[in-house]
Amino acid sequence: MIASRRSKFLSDLFARYMYYRIRKAFNRLVVLNKVEPKPGHSVLLLCNHVGWWDGFWANYLGYRHLKRKVYVMMQEDHLQARMWLSYCGGFSISRSSREMVKSLQYAAGVLDDAENLVIVFPQGELISNHTTEIKVEKGIERLIKNIKGPCHIIYSCALIEYFESLKPSVYFHLLDLGVAGELSFDELTDKINTFHKQALKEQVNVAH
């Protein structure tokens, strides 16, 4: 497992640079159903996984809206190919059972600090944003059970539209899932899926 070597200077610089890149690549970034993190709580940000930009969108949410120190769980081979991302909060997870347990315990330890936010893609693979079901992998249950400090869980459903622009716009539908330990894993999964289906319906009527 590759641990994060997060540098505040480099993380801040990266977040500002990626905001510039995102603003150039996309027409609009719209945060719907805004959720304020609970004071004194870390944040576990669960995101749907639709494409290459996902981690950068989540970094934008964590840095500019949720205002926490951002860490992101990445596939080990992806992080090995871009080791500089470890200085921006990246840490690895591997499919190997022993290494996966280490990564989940590491993520839980990061979330014991109320100033931190960890980005996780619970589907574990890229899935079209048109899917109507979010399959939450069981590792999320283990991660949540290992968190010792107060942690606020938020789900972000990112959906893309073009409308009249040559550039796509990103709409973030946010769901407050309460504090870690309040919901069982099955309840958490059900709430995410109910909300995700509702977000897809509401997306039809978003302003543009």
N, C-alpha and C. Protein backbone atom coordinates (compact mmCIF):
# COMPACT_ATOMS: atom_id res chain seq x y z
N MET A 1 0.84 -1.19 0.00
CA MET A 1 0.00 0.00 0.00
C MET A 1 0.88 1.25 0.00
N ILE A 2 0.52 2.23 -0.82
CA ILE A 2 1.26 3.50 -0.90
C ILE A 2 0.53 4.54 -0.07
N ALA A 3 1.17 5.03 0.97
CA ALA A 3 0.57 6.04 1.84
C ALA A 3 0.69 7.43 1.21
N SER A 4 -0.19 8.32 1.60
CA SER A 4 -0.12 9.71 1.15
C SER A 4 1.04 10.43 1.82
N ARG A 5 1.69 11.29 1.04
CA ARG A 5 2.72 12.17 1.57
C ARG A 5 2.26 13.62 1.40
N ARG A 6 1.01 13.85 1.75
CA ARG A 6 0.35 15.11 1.46
C ARG A 6 1.14 16.33 1.93
N SER A 7 1.31 17.27 1.00
CA SER A 7 1.93 18.56 1.28
C SER A 7 0.87 19.63 1.12
N LYS A 8 0.67 20.45 2.14
CA LYS A 8 -0.35 21.50 2.05
C LYS A 8 -0.07 22.43 0.88
N PHE A 9 1.18 22.82 0.71
CA PHE A 9 1.53 23.74 -0.38
C PHE A 9 1.19 23.12 -1.73
N LEU A 10 1.63 21.88 -1.96
CA LEU A 10 1.40 21.23 -3.25
C LEU A 10 -0.07 20.90 -3.45
N SER A 11 -0.77 20.51 -2.37
CA SER A 11 -2.21 20.21 -2.48
C SER A 11 -3.00 21.46 -2.84
N ASP A 12 -2.67 22.58 -2.21
CA ASP A 12 -3.36 23.84 -2.52
C ASP A 12 -3.06 24.28 -3.96
N LEU A 13 -1.80 24.15 -4.36
CA LEU A 13 -1.41 24.53 -5.71
C LEU A 13 -2.13 23.66 -6.74
N PHE A 14 -2.19 22.35 -6.47
CA PHE A 14 -2.86 21.41 -7.37
C PHE A 14 -4.35 21.73 -7.47
N ALA A 15 -4.99 22.02 -6.34
CA ALA A 15 -6.42 22.31 -6.35
C ALA A 15 -6.72 23.57 -7.17
N ARG A 16 -5.87 24.58 -7.03
CA ARG A 16 -6.07 25.82 -7.80
C ARG A 16 -5.84 25.58 -9.29
N TYR A 17 -4.81 24.81 -9.61
CA TYR A 17 -4.52 24.51 -11.02
C TYR A 17 -5.66 23.71 -11.65
N MET A 18 -6.15 22.69 -10.92
CA MET A 18 -7.22 21.87 -11.47
C MET A 18 -8.52 22.64 -11.59
N TYR A 19 -8.75 23.60 -10.70
CA TYR A 19 -9.93 24.45 -10.84
C TYR A 19 -9.84 25.23 -12.15
N TYR A 20 -8.65 25.75 -12.46
CA TYR A 20 -8.42 26.45 -13.72
C TYR A 20 -8.69 25.53 -14.91
N ARG A 21 -8.16 24.28 -14.84
CA ARG A 21 -8.35 23.31 -15.92
C ARG A 21 -9.83 22.96 -16.09
N ILE A 22 -10.51 22.76 -14.98
CA ILE A 22 -11.92 22.40 -15.03
C ILE A 22 -12.75 23.53 -15.63
N ARG A 23 -12.44 24.76 -15.23
CA ARG A 23 -13.20 25.90 -15.74
C ARG A 23 -12.99 26.08 -17.24
N LYS A 24 -11.81 25.68 -17.73
CA LYS A 24 -11.56 25.77 -19.17
C LYS A 24 -12.27 24.65 -19.93
N ALA A 25 -12.37 23.48 -19.31
CA ALA A 25 -12.91 22.31 -20.00
C ALA A 25 -14.44 22.23 -19.95
N PHE A 26 -15.05 22.86 -18.90
CA PHE A 26 -16.49 22.72 -18.69
C PHE A 26 -17.19 24.07 -18.72
N ASN A 27 -18.42 24.04 -19.16
CA ASN A 27 -19.22 25.26 -19.24
C ASN A 27 -19.63 25.76 -17.86
N ARG A 28 -20.18 24.85 -17.04
CA ARG A 28 -20.64 25.21 -15.70
C ARG A 28 -20.38 24.07 -14.74
N LEU A 29 -20.16 24.42 -13.47
CA LEU A 29 -20.12 23.45 -12.37
C LEU A 29 -21.21 23.88 -11.39
N VAL A 30 -22.22 23.05 -11.24
CA VAL A 30 -23.38 23.42 -10.43
C VAL A 30 -23.54 22.44 -9.28
N VAL A 31 -23.51 22.94 -8.05
CA VAL A 31 -23.70 22.09 -6.88
C VAL A 31 -25.15 22.20 -6.42
N LEU A 32 -25.88 21.10 -6.52
CA LEU A 32 -27.28 21.06 -6.09
C LEU A 32 -27.36 20.38 -4.73
N ASN A 33 -28.46 20.60 -4.02
CA ASN A 33 -28.65 19.96 -2.70
C ASN A 33 -27.42 20.17 -1.81
N LYS A 34 -26.99 21.42 -1.68
CA LYS A 34 -25.76 21.71 -0.94
C LYS A 34 -25.82 21.15 0.47
N VAL A 35 -24.71 20.55 0.89
CA VAL A 35 -24.59 19.95 2.23
C VAL A 35 -23.43 20.62 2.95
N GLU A 36 -23.68 21.12 4.15
CA GLU A 36 -22.63 21.70 4.98
C GLU A 36 -22.06 20.62 5.88
N PRO A 37 -20.74 20.42 5.87
CA PRO A 37 -20.15 19.42 6.77
C PRO A 37 -20.44 19.76 8.23
N LYS A 38 -20.67 18.76 9.04
CA LYS A 38 -20.93 18.98 10.46
C LYS A 38 -19.66 19.49 11.14
N PRO A 39 -19.76 20.52 11.97
CA PRO A 39 -18.57 21.02 12.67
C PRO A 39 -17.92 19.92 13.50
N GLY A 40 -16.59 19.90 13.48
CA GLY A 40 -15.86 18.92 14.26
C GLY A 40 -15.88 17.52 13.70
N HIS A 41 -16.33 17.37 12.44
CA HIS A 41 -16.40 16.06 11.80
C HIS A 41 -15.51 16.03 10.56
N SER A 42 -14.83 14.91 10.36
CA SER A 42 -14.19 14.66 9.07
C SER A 42 -15.29 14.34 8.06
N VAL A 43 -14.92 14.21 6.79
CA VAL A 43 -15.91 13.93 5.74
C VAL A 43 -15.45 12.75 4.89
N LEU A 44 -16.33 11.76 4.76
CA LEU A 44 -16.14 10.68 3.79
C LEU A 44 -17.02 11.01 2.60
N LEU A 45 -16.39 11.35 1.48
CA LEU A 45 -17.12 11.75 0.28
C LEU A 45 -17.16 10.57 -0.69
N LEU A 46 -18.35 9.98 -0.84
CA LEU A 46 -18.57 8.86 -1.75
C LEU A 46 -19.08 9.41 -3.08
N CYS A 47 -18.45 9.03 -4.18
CA CYS A 47 -18.79 9.62 -5.49
C CYS A 47 -19.07 8.53 -6.52
N ASN A 48 -20.03 8.79 -7.40
CA ASN A 48 -20.19 7.89 -8.54
C ASN A 48 -18.97 8.04 -9.46
N HIS A 49 -18.66 6.97 -10.19
CA HIS A 49 -17.40 6.90 -10.92
C HIS A 49 -17.69 6.78 -12.41
N VAL A 50 -17.67 7.92 -13.12
CA VAL A 50 -18.12 7.93 -14.51
C VAL A 50 -17.03 8.20 -15.53
N GLY A 51 -15.87 8.71 -15.10
CA GLY A 51 -14.84 9.02 -16.09
C GLY A 51 -13.57 9.59 -15.49
N TRP A 52 -12.68 10.01 -16.38
CA TRP A 52 -11.34 10.48 -16.03
C TRP A 52 -11.37 11.68 -15.09
N TRP A 53 -12.38 12.53 -15.21
CA TRP A 53 -12.44 13.77 -14.45
C TRP A 53 -12.92 13.58 -13.01
N ASP A 54 -13.42 12.42 -12.65
CA ASP A 54 -14.08 12.22 -11.36
C ASP A 54 -13.27 12.70 -10.16
N GLY A 55 -12.01 12.29 -10.10
CA GLY A 55 -11.17 12.66 -8.96
C GLY A 55 -10.98 14.15 -8.86
N PHE A 56 -10.89 14.82 -10.01
CA PHE A 56 -10.68 16.26 -10.02
C PHE A 56 -11.96 17.01 -9.62
N TRP A 57 -13.12 16.48 -10.07
CA TRP A 57 -14.39 17.06 -9.62
C TRP A 57 -14.53 16.93 -8.10
N ALA A 58 -14.22 15.74 -7.59
CA ALA A 58 -14.34 15.51 -6.15
C ALA A 58 -13.36 16.38 -5.37
N ASN A 59 -12.16 16.58 -5.92
CA ASN A 59 -11.19 17.48 -5.29
C ASN A 59 -11.75 18.89 -5.23
N TYR A 60 -12.41 19.31 -6.30
CA TYR A 60 -13.06 20.63 -6.35
C TYR A 60 -14.12 20.75 -5.25
N LEU A 61 -14.96 19.72 -5.10
CA LEU A 61 -15.99 19.75 -4.06
C LEU A 61 -15.37 19.81 -2.67
N GLY A 62 -14.35 18.96 -2.44
CA GLY A 62 -13.73 18.90 -1.13
C GLY A 62 -13.01 20.18 -0.75
N TYR A 63 -12.32 20.76 -1.72
CA TYR A 63 -11.49 21.93 -1.46
C TYR A 63 -12.33 23.21 -1.39
N ARG A 64 -13.25 23.40 -2.33
CA ARG A 64 -13.95 24.68 -2.44
C ARG A 64 -15.30 24.71 -1.73
N HIS A 65 -15.95 23.57 -1.59
CA HIS A 65 -17.30 23.57 -0.99
C HIS A 65 -17.34 22.94 0.40
N LEU A 66 -16.66 21.84 0.57
CA LEU A 66 -16.70 21.15 1.86
C LEU A 66 -15.55 21.59 2.78
N LYS A 67 -14.54 22.22 2.17
CA LYS A 67 -13.47 22.92 2.90
C LYS A 67 -12.77 22.04 3.93
N ARG A 68 -12.23 20.93 3.44
CA ARG A 68 -11.43 20.03 4.25
C ARG A 68 -10.11 19.74 3.53
N LYS A 69 -9.16 19.16 4.25
CA LYS A 69 -7.92 18.69 3.64
C LYS A 69 -8.24 17.42 2.86
N VAL A 70 -8.00 17.45 1.56
CA VAL A 70 -8.48 16.40 0.67
C VAL A 70 -7.47 15.26 0.51
N TYR A 71 -7.97 14.03 0.69
CA TYR A 71 -7.23 12.80 0.40
C TYR A 71 -8.10 11.99 -0.56
N VAL A 72 -7.45 11.18 -1.41
CA VAL A 72 -8.23 10.38 -2.35
C VAL A 72 -7.66 8.97 -2.45
N MET A 73 -8.55 7.99 -2.38
CA MET A 73 -8.18 6.59 -2.54
C MET A 73 -8.10 6.27 -4.02
N MET A 74 -6.92 5.78 -4.48
CA MET A 74 -6.69 5.50 -5.89
C MET A 74 -6.26 4.06 -6.10
N GLN A 75 -6.54 3.51 -7.27
CA GLN A 75 -6.01 2.20 -7.61
C GLN A 75 -4.48 2.27 -7.59
N GLU A 76 -3.87 1.22 -7.04
CA GLU A 76 -2.42 1.27 -6.83
C GLU A 76 -1.64 1.47 -8.12
N ASP A 77 -2.04 0.80 -9.19
CA ASP A 77 -1.29 0.94 -10.45
C ASP A 77 -1.41 2.36 -11.01
N HIS A 78 -2.57 3.00 -10.79
CA HIS A 78 -2.75 4.38 -11.26
C HIS A 78 -1.86 5.33 -10.46
N LEU A 79 -1.77 5.11 -9.15
CA LEU A 79 -0.94 5.98 -8.32
C LEU A 79 0.55 5.74 -8.61
N GLN A 80 0.93 4.49 -8.83
CA GLN A 80 2.33 4.19 -9.15
C GLN A 80 2.77 4.91 -10.43
N ALA A 81 1.85 5.06 -11.37
CA ALA A 81 2.18 5.74 -12.63
C ALA A 81 2.24 7.26 -12.46
N ARG A 82 1.67 7.77 -11.37
CA ARG A 82 1.65 9.23 -11.12
C ARG A 82 1.94 9.48 -9.64
N MET A 83 3.14 9.10 -9.22
CA MET A 83 3.47 9.15 -7.80
C MET A 83 3.40 10.55 -7.21
N TRP A 84 3.51 11.56 -8.05
CA TRP A 84 3.41 12.93 -7.56
C TRP A 84 2.05 13.20 -6.91
N LEU A 85 1.03 12.41 -7.28
CA LEU A 85 -0.30 12.62 -6.69
C LEU A 85 -0.33 12.26 -5.20
N SER A 86 0.66 11.48 -4.74
CA SER A 86 0.71 11.18 -3.30
C SER A 86 0.97 12.44 -2.48
N TYR A 87 1.64 13.44 -3.11
CA TYR A 87 1.88 14.71 -2.42
C TYR A 87 0.63 15.59 -2.40
N CYS A 88 -0.37 15.19 -3.17
CA CYS A 88 -1.64 15.94 -3.24
C CYS A 88 -2.77 15.18 -2.54
N GLY A 89 -2.40 14.19 -1.72
CA GLY A 89 -3.40 13.46 -0.94
C GLY A 89 -3.73 12.07 -1.43
N GLY A 90 -3.12 11.64 -2.53
CA GLY A 90 -3.41 10.31 -3.05
C GLY A 90 -2.81 9.19 -2.21
N PHE A 91 -3.56 8.13 -1.98
CA PHE A 91 -3.04 6.91 -1.37
C PHE A 91 -3.69 5.73 -2.09
N SER A 92 -3.07 4.57 -2.00
CA SER A 92 -3.47 3.47 -2.89
C SER A 92 -4.36 2.44 -2.23
N ILE A 93 -5.08 1.73 -3.10
CA ILE A 93 -5.80 0.54 -2.70
C ILE A 93 -5.56 -0.52 -3.77
N SER A 94 -5.39 -1.76 -3.33
CA SER A 94 -5.13 -2.88 -4.24
C SER A 94 -6.22 -3.93 -4.04
N ARG A 95 -6.46 -4.73 -5.07
CA ARG A 95 -7.46 -5.80 -4.98
C ARG A 95 -7.00 -6.95 -4.09
N SER A 96 -5.70 -7.01 -3.82
CA SER A 96 -5.18 -8.03 -2.90
C SER A 96 -5.84 -7.85 -1.55
N SER A 97 -6.40 -8.92 -0.99
CA SER A 97 -7.19 -8.80 0.24
C SER A 97 -6.40 -8.19 1.39
N ARG A 98 -5.13 -8.62 1.57
CA ARG A 98 -4.34 -8.10 2.67
C ARG A 98 -4.04 -6.61 2.47
N GLU A 99 -3.67 -6.24 1.25
CA GLU A 99 -3.37 -4.84 0.97
C GLU A 99 -4.63 -3.98 1.04
N MET A 100 -5.77 -4.55 0.64
CA MET A 100 -7.03 -3.80 0.70
C MET A 100 -7.38 -3.46 2.14
N VAL A 101 -7.22 -4.41 3.04
CA VAL A 101 -7.49 -4.17 4.46
C VAL A 101 -6.60 -3.04 4.98
N LYS A 102 -5.32 -3.05 4.60
CA LYS A 102 -4.40 -1.99 5.02
C LYS A 102 -4.88 -0.63 4.53
N SER A 103 -5.31 -0.57 3.27
CA SER A 103 -5.77 0.69 2.69
C SER A 103 -7.02 1.21 3.40
N LEU A 104 -7.96 0.31 3.69
CA LEU A 104 -9.19 0.71 4.37
C LEU A 104 -8.91 1.18 5.78
N GLN A 105 -7.99 0.52 6.46
CA GLN A 105 -7.61 0.95 7.81
C GLN A 105 -6.89 2.30 7.75
N TYR A 106 -6.07 2.48 6.73
CA TYR A 106 -5.37 3.75 6.56
C TYR A 106 -6.38 4.88 6.33
N ALA A 107 -7.34 4.65 5.44
CA ALA A 107 -8.36 5.66 5.16
C ALA A 107 -9.15 6.01 6.42
N ALA A 108 -9.49 5.00 7.22
CA ALA A 108 -10.21 5.24 8.47
C ALA A 108 -9.37 6.08 9.41
N GLY A 109 -8.06 5.83 9.45
CA GLY A 109 -7.18 6.62 10.30
C GLY A 109 -7.12 8.08 9.87
N VAL A 110 -7.10 8.31 8.56
CA VAL A 110 -7.11 9.69 8.04
C VAL A 110 -8.39 10.40 8.48
N LEU A 111 -9.50 9.65 8.48
CA LEU A 111 -10.80 10.24 8.84
C LEU A 111 -10.98 10.43 10.34
N ASP A 112 -10.04 9.97 11.14
CA ASP A 112 -10.11 10.24 12.58
C ASP A 112 -9.75 11.69 12.89
N ASP A 113 -9.18 12.39 11.91
CA ASP A 113 -8.85 13.81 12.06
C ASP A 113 -9.99 14.64 11.45
N ALA A 114 -10.61 15.48 12.24
CA ALA A 114 -11.79 16.24 11.81
C ALA A 114 -11.50 17.22 10.68
N GLU A 115 -10.24 17.54 10.42
CA GLU A 115 -9.90 18.47 9.35
C GLU A 115 -9.82 17.80 7.98
N ASN A 116 -9.93 16.47 7.94
CA ASN A 116 -9.69 15.73 6.71
C ASN A 116 -10.95 15.29 5.98
N LEU A 117 -10.79 15.09 4.68
CA LEU A 117 -11.84 14.55 3.82
C LEU A 117 -11.21 13.47 2.95
N VAL A 118 -11.86 12.32 2.85
CA VAL A 118 -11.37 11.23 2.00
C VAL A 118 -12.38 10.97 0.89
N ILE A 119 -11.88 10.98 -0.33
CA ILE A 119 -12.71 10.68 -1.51
C ILE A 119 -12.61 9.19 -1.83
N VAL A 120 -13.75 8.54 -1.95
CA VAL A 120 -13.78 7.12 -2.30
C VAL A 120 -14.85 6.91 -3.39
N PHE A 121 -14.54 6.06 -4.34
CA PHE A 121 -15.50 5.69 -5.39
C PHE A 121 -16.04 4.30 -5.05
N PRO A 122 -17.20 4.23 -4.41
CA PRO A 122 -17.68 2.96 -3.85
C PRO A 122 -18.02 1.89 -4.88
N GLN A 123 -18.18 2.28 -6.15
CA GLN A 123 -18.45 1.27 -7.19
C GLN A 123 -17.20 0.47 -7.53
N GLY A 124 -16.03 1.07 -7.31
CA GLY A 124 -14.78 0.37 -7.55
C GLY A 124 -14.37 0.26 -9.01
N GLU A 125 -15.18 0.78 -9.93
CA GLU A 125 -14.87 0.74 -11.36
C GLU A 125 -15.68 1.82 -12.07
N LEU A 126 -15.27 2.13 -13.30
CA LEU A 126 -15.99 3.13 -14.08
C LEU A 126 -17.32 2.57 -14.57
N ILE A 127 -18.39 3.34 -14.33
CA ILE A 127 -19.74 2.96 -14.76
C ILE A 127 -20.39 4.19 -15.38
N SER A 128 -21.12 4.01 -16.46
CA SER A 128 -21.80 5.13 -17.12
C SER A 128 -22.65 5.93 -16.14
N ASN A 129 -22.69 7.25 -16.32
CA ASN A 129 -23.53 8.06 -15.43
C ASN A 129 -25.02 7.90 -15.74
N HIS A 130 -25.35 7.06 -16.72
CA HIS A 130 -26.75 6.75 -17.01
C HIS A 130 -27.24 5.55 -16.20
N THR A 131 -26.36 4.89 -15.46
CA THR A 131 -26.78 3.72 -14.70
C THR A 131 -27.81 4.11 -13.64
N THR A 132 -28.72 3.21 -13.37
CA THR A 132 -29.74 3.48 -12.36
C THR A 132 -29.44 2.79 -11.03
N GLU A 133 -28.32 2.08 -10.98
CA GLU A 133 -27.96 1.38 -9.74
C GLU A 133 -26.51 1.64 -9.39
N ILE A 134 -26.26 2.03 -8.14
CA ILE A 134 -24.90 2.19 -7.63
C ILE A 134 -24.59 0.99 -6.75
N LYS A 135 -23.70 0.13 -7.24
CA LYS A 135 -23.31 -1.04 -6.46
C LYS A 135 -22.19 -0.62 -5.51
N VAL A 136 -22.47 -0.58 -4.23
CA VAL A 136 -21.50 -0.16 -3.22
C VAL A 136 -20.73 -1.39 -2.75
N GLU A 137 -19.42 -1.39 -2.96
CA GLU A 137 -18.62 -2.55 -2.59
C GLU A 137 -18.53 -2.69 -1.07
N LYS A 138 -18.37 -3.94 -0.62
CA LYS A 138 -18.39 -4.25 0.82
C LYS A 138 -17.24 -3.60 1.59
N GLY A 139 -16.18 -3.23 0.89
CA GLY A 139 -15.07 -2.57 1.57
C GLY A 139 -15.49 -1.28 2.26
N ILE A 140 -16.53 -0.63 1.75
CA ILE A 140 -17.03 0.60 2.37
C ILE A 140 -17.53 0.32 3.78
N GLU A 141 -18.17 -0.84 3.95
CA GLU A 141 -18.66 -1.21 5.28
C GLU A 141 -17.49 -1.35 6.25
N ARG A 142 -16.43 -2.01 5.83
CA ARG A 142 -15.26 -2.19 6.69
C ARG A 142 -14.60 -0.84 7.01
N LEU A 143 -14.52 0.02 5.99
CA LEU A 143 -13.93 1.34 6.19
C LEU A 143 -14.69 2.12 7.26
N ILE A 144 -16.01 2.17 7.13
CA ILE A 144 -16.83 2.95 8.07
C ILE A 144 -16.72 2.40 9.48
N LYS A 145 -16.69 1.08 9.61
CA LYS A 145 -16.60 0.47 10.94
C LYS A 145 -15.28 0.78 11.63
N ASN A 146 -14.22 1.07 10.85
CA ASN A 146 -12.91 1.34 11.42
C ASN A 146 -12.69 2.80 11.80
N ILE A 147 -13.63 3.68 11.42
CA ILE A 147 -13.47 5.10 11.75
C ILE A 147 -13.79 5.30 13.23
N LYS A 148 -12.86 5.89 13.95
CA LYS A 148 -13.04 6.09 15.40
C LYS A 148 -13.59 7.48 15.74
N GLY A 149 -13.18 8.49 15.00
CA GLY A 149 -13.65 9.85 15.28
C GLY A 149 -14.98 10.13 14.58
N PRO A 150 -15.63 11.26 14.93
CA PRO A 150 -16.89 11.62 14.26
C PRO A 150 -16.65 11.94 12.79
N CYS A 151 -17.42 11.31 11.93
CA CYS A 151 -17.22 11.46 10.48
C CYS A 151 -18.57 11.63 9.79
N HIS A 152 -18.67 12.66 8.98
CA HIS A 152 -19.88 12.97 8.21
C HIS A 152 -19.75 12.31 6.83
N ILE A 153 -20.75 11.54 6.45
CA ILE A 153 -20.72 10.85 5.15
C ILE A 153 -21.62 11.58 4.15
N ILE A 154 -21.07 11.88 2.98
CA ILE A 154 -21.80 12.59 1.92
C ILE A 154 -21.65 11.82 0.61
N TYR A 155 -22.74 11.68 -0.12
CA TYR A 155 -22.68 11.06 -1.44
C TYR A 155 -22.84 12.13 -2.50
N SER A 156 -22.00 12.06 -3.54
CA SER A 156 -22.08 13.00 -4.66
C SER A 156 -22.37 12.23 -5.94
N CYS A 157 -23.47 12.60 -6.57
CA CYS A 157 -23.84 12.04 -7.88
C CYS A 157 -23.56 13.12 -8.93
N ALA A 158 -22.54 12.91 -9.75
CA ALA A 158 -22.19 13.88 -10.80
C ALA A 158 -22.83 13.46 -12.12
N LEU A 159 -23.58 14.38 -12.73
CA LEU A 159 -24.24 14.11 -14.00
C LEU A 159 -23.86 15.21 -15.00
N ILE A 160 -23.75 14.84 -16.27
CA ILE A 160 -23.24 15.73 -17.30
C ILE A 160 -24.33 16.08 -18.32
N GLU A 161 -24.36 17.37 -18.71
CA GLU A 161 -25.27 17.84 -19.75
C GLU A 161 -24.51 18.81 -20.67
N TYR A 162 -24.98 18.92 -21.91
CA TYR A 162 -24.41 19.89 -22.86
C TYR A 162 -25.35 21.08 -23.10
N PHE A 163 -26.62 20.80 -23.30
CA PHE A 163 -27.59 21.83 -23.64
C PHE A 163 -27.10 22.67 -24.83
N GLU A 164 -27.02 24.01 -24.68
CA GLU A 164 -26.69 24.85 -25.83
C GLU A 164 -25.19 25.10 -25.99
N SER A 165 -24.37 24.52 -25.12
CA SER A 165 -22.93 24.82 -25.12
C SER A 165 -22.12 23.74 -25.82
N LEU A 166 -20.97 24.14 -26.38
CA LEU A 166 -20.03 23.16 -26.93
C LEU A 166 -19.34 22.40 -25.81
N LYS A 167 -19.29 22.98 -24.62
CA LYS A 167 -18.65 22.35 -23.48
C LYS A 167 -19.70 21.73 -22.56
N PRO A 168 -19.40 20.60 -21.94
CA PRO A 168 -20.36 20.00 -21.00
C PRO A 168 -20.44 20.79 -19.70
N SER A 169 -21.55 20.66 -19.02
CA SER A 169 -21.71 21.19 -17.66
C SER A 169 -21.86 20.00 -16.71
N VAL A 170 -21.37 20.18 -15.48
CA VAL A 170 -21.43 19.12 -14.48
C VAL A 170 -22.37 19.56 -13.37
N TYR A 171 -23.30 18.69 -13.03
CA TYR A 171 -24.26 18.95 -11.95
C TYR A 171 -23.99 17.94 -10.83
N PHE A 172 -23.71 18.48 -9.64
CA PHE A 172 -23.43 17.63 -8.49
C PHE A 172 -24.66 17.58 -7.58
N HIS A 173 -25.27 16.41 -7.47
CA HIS A 173 -26.39 16.19 -6.56
C HIS A 173 -25.80 15.60 -5.27
N LEU A 174 -25.92 16.31 -4.16
CA LEU A 174 -25.30 15.87 -2.91
C LEU A 174 -26.35 15.34 -1.94
N LEU A 175 -25.98 14.26 -1.27
CA LEU A 175 -26.86 13.61 -0.29
C LEU A 175 -26.16 13.53 1.07
N ASP A 176 -26.83 14.01 2.11
CA ASP A 176 -26.33 13.91 3.48
C ASP A 176 -26.69 12.54 4.03
N LEU A 177 -25.66 11.74 4.32
CA LEU A 177 -25.88 10.39 4.84
C LEU A 177 -25.62 10.30 6.34
N GLY A 178 -25.54 11.45 6.99
CA GLY A 178 -25.39 11.45 8.44
C GLY A 178 -23.99 11.09 8.90
N VAL A 179 -23.90 10.66 10.13
CA VAL A 179 -22.62 10.36 10.77
C VAL A 179 -22.31 8.87 10.66
N ALA A 180 -21.04 8.55 10.45
CA ALA A 180 -20.62 7.15 10.36
C ALA A 180 -21.11 6.36 11.57
N GLY A 181 -21.72 5.21 11.30
CA GLY A 181 -22.24 4.36 12.36
C GLY A 181 -23.73 4.50 12.58
N GLU A 182 -24.35 5.57 12.05
CA GLU A 182 -25.79 5.77 12.24
C GLU A 182 -26.61 4.81 11.37
N LEU A 183 -26.10 4.51 10.18
CA LEU A 183 -26.82 3.64 9.25
C LEU A 183 -26.09 2.31 9.10
N SER A 184 -26.83 1.24 8.93
CA SER A 184 -26.21 -0.03 8.58
C SER A 184 -25.74 0.06 7.12
N PHE A 185 -24.91 -0.89 6.71
CA PHE A 185 -24.41 -0.88 5.33
C PHE A 185 -25.56 -1.00 4.34
N ASP A 186 -26.53 -1.85 4.62
CA ASP A 186 -27.67 -2.02 3.72
C ASP A 186 -28.50 -0.74 3.64
N GLU A 187 -28.69 -0.06 4.78
CA GLU A 187 -29.43 1.20 4.78
C GLU A 187 -28.69 2.27 3.98
N LEU A 188 -27.38 2.32 4.15
CA LEU A 188 -26.55 3.28 3.41
C LEU A 188 -26.68 3.04 1.91
N THR A 189 -26.56 1.80 1.50
CA THR A 189 -26.66 1.44 0.09
C THR A 189 -28.04 1.79 -0.47
N ASP A 190 -29.09 1.49 0.29
CA ASP A 190 -30.45 1.79 -0.16
C ASP A 190 -30.66 3.29 -0.33
N LYS A 191 -30.16 4.07 0.63
CA LYS A 191 -30.31 5.53 0.55
C LYS A 191 -29.58 6.11 -0.66
N ILE A 192 -28.36 5.61 -0.91
CA ILE A 192 -27.60 6.07 -2.06
C ILE A 192 -28.35 5.76 -3.35
N ASN A 193 -28.88 4.55 -3.47
CA ASN A 193 -29.56 4.17 -4.70
C ASN A 193 -30.89 4.90 -4.90
N THR A 194 -31.63 5.09 -3.81
CA THR A 194 -32.89 5.85 -3.91
C THR A 194 -32.60 7.28 -4.35
N PHE A 195 -31.57 7.88 -3.76
CA PHE A 195 -31.21 9.25 -4.10
C PHE A 195 -30.69 9.34 -5.53
N HIS A 196 -29.87 8.37 -5.93
CA HIS A 196 -29.30 8.38 -7.28
C HIS A 196 -30.41 8.32 -8.33
N LYS A 197 -31.39 7.47 -8.13
CA LYS A 197 -32.51 7.38 -9.07
C LYS A 197 -33.29 8.70 -9.10
N GLN A 198 -33.48 9.32 -7.94
CA GLN A 198 -34.19 10.59 -7.87
C GLN A 198 -33.40 11.69 -8.57
N ALA A 199 -32.07 11.67 -8.41
CA ALA A 199 -31.22 12.66 -9.08
C ALA A 199 -31.34 12.56 -10.59
N LEU A 200 -31.40 11.33 -11.10
CA LEU A 200 -31.56 11.14 -12.54
C LEU A 200 -32.88 11.72 -13.03
N LYS A 201 -33.95 11.57 -12.22
CA LYS A 201 -35.24 12.14 -12.59
C LYS A 201 -35.21 13.67 -12.54
N GLU A 202 -34.60 14.22 -11.48
CA GLU A 202 -34.55 15.66 -11.31
C GLU A 202 -33.65 16.33 -12.35
N GLN A 203 -32.69 15.58 -12.85
CA GLN A 203 -31.76 16.14 -13.84
C GLN A 203 -32.48 16.62 -15.09
N VAL A 204 -33.60 16.00 -15.40
CA VAL A 204 -34.38 16.39 -16.57
C VAL A 204 -34.81 17.85 -16.48
N ASN A 205 -35.00 18.35 -15.26
CA ASN A 205 -35.55 19.70 -15.08
C ASN A 205 -34.52 20.73 -14.60
N VAL A 206 -33.20 20.40 -14.68
CA VAL A 206 -32.21 21.37 -14.17
C VAL A 206 -32.20 22.62 -15.05
N ALA A 207 -31.94 23.76 -14.42
CA ALA A 207 -31.87 25.03 -15.15
C ALA A 207 -30.59 25.06 -15.98
N HIS A 208 -30.68 25.72 -17.16
CA HIS A 208 -29.49 25.86 -18.02
C HIS A 208 -29.55 27.18 -18.76
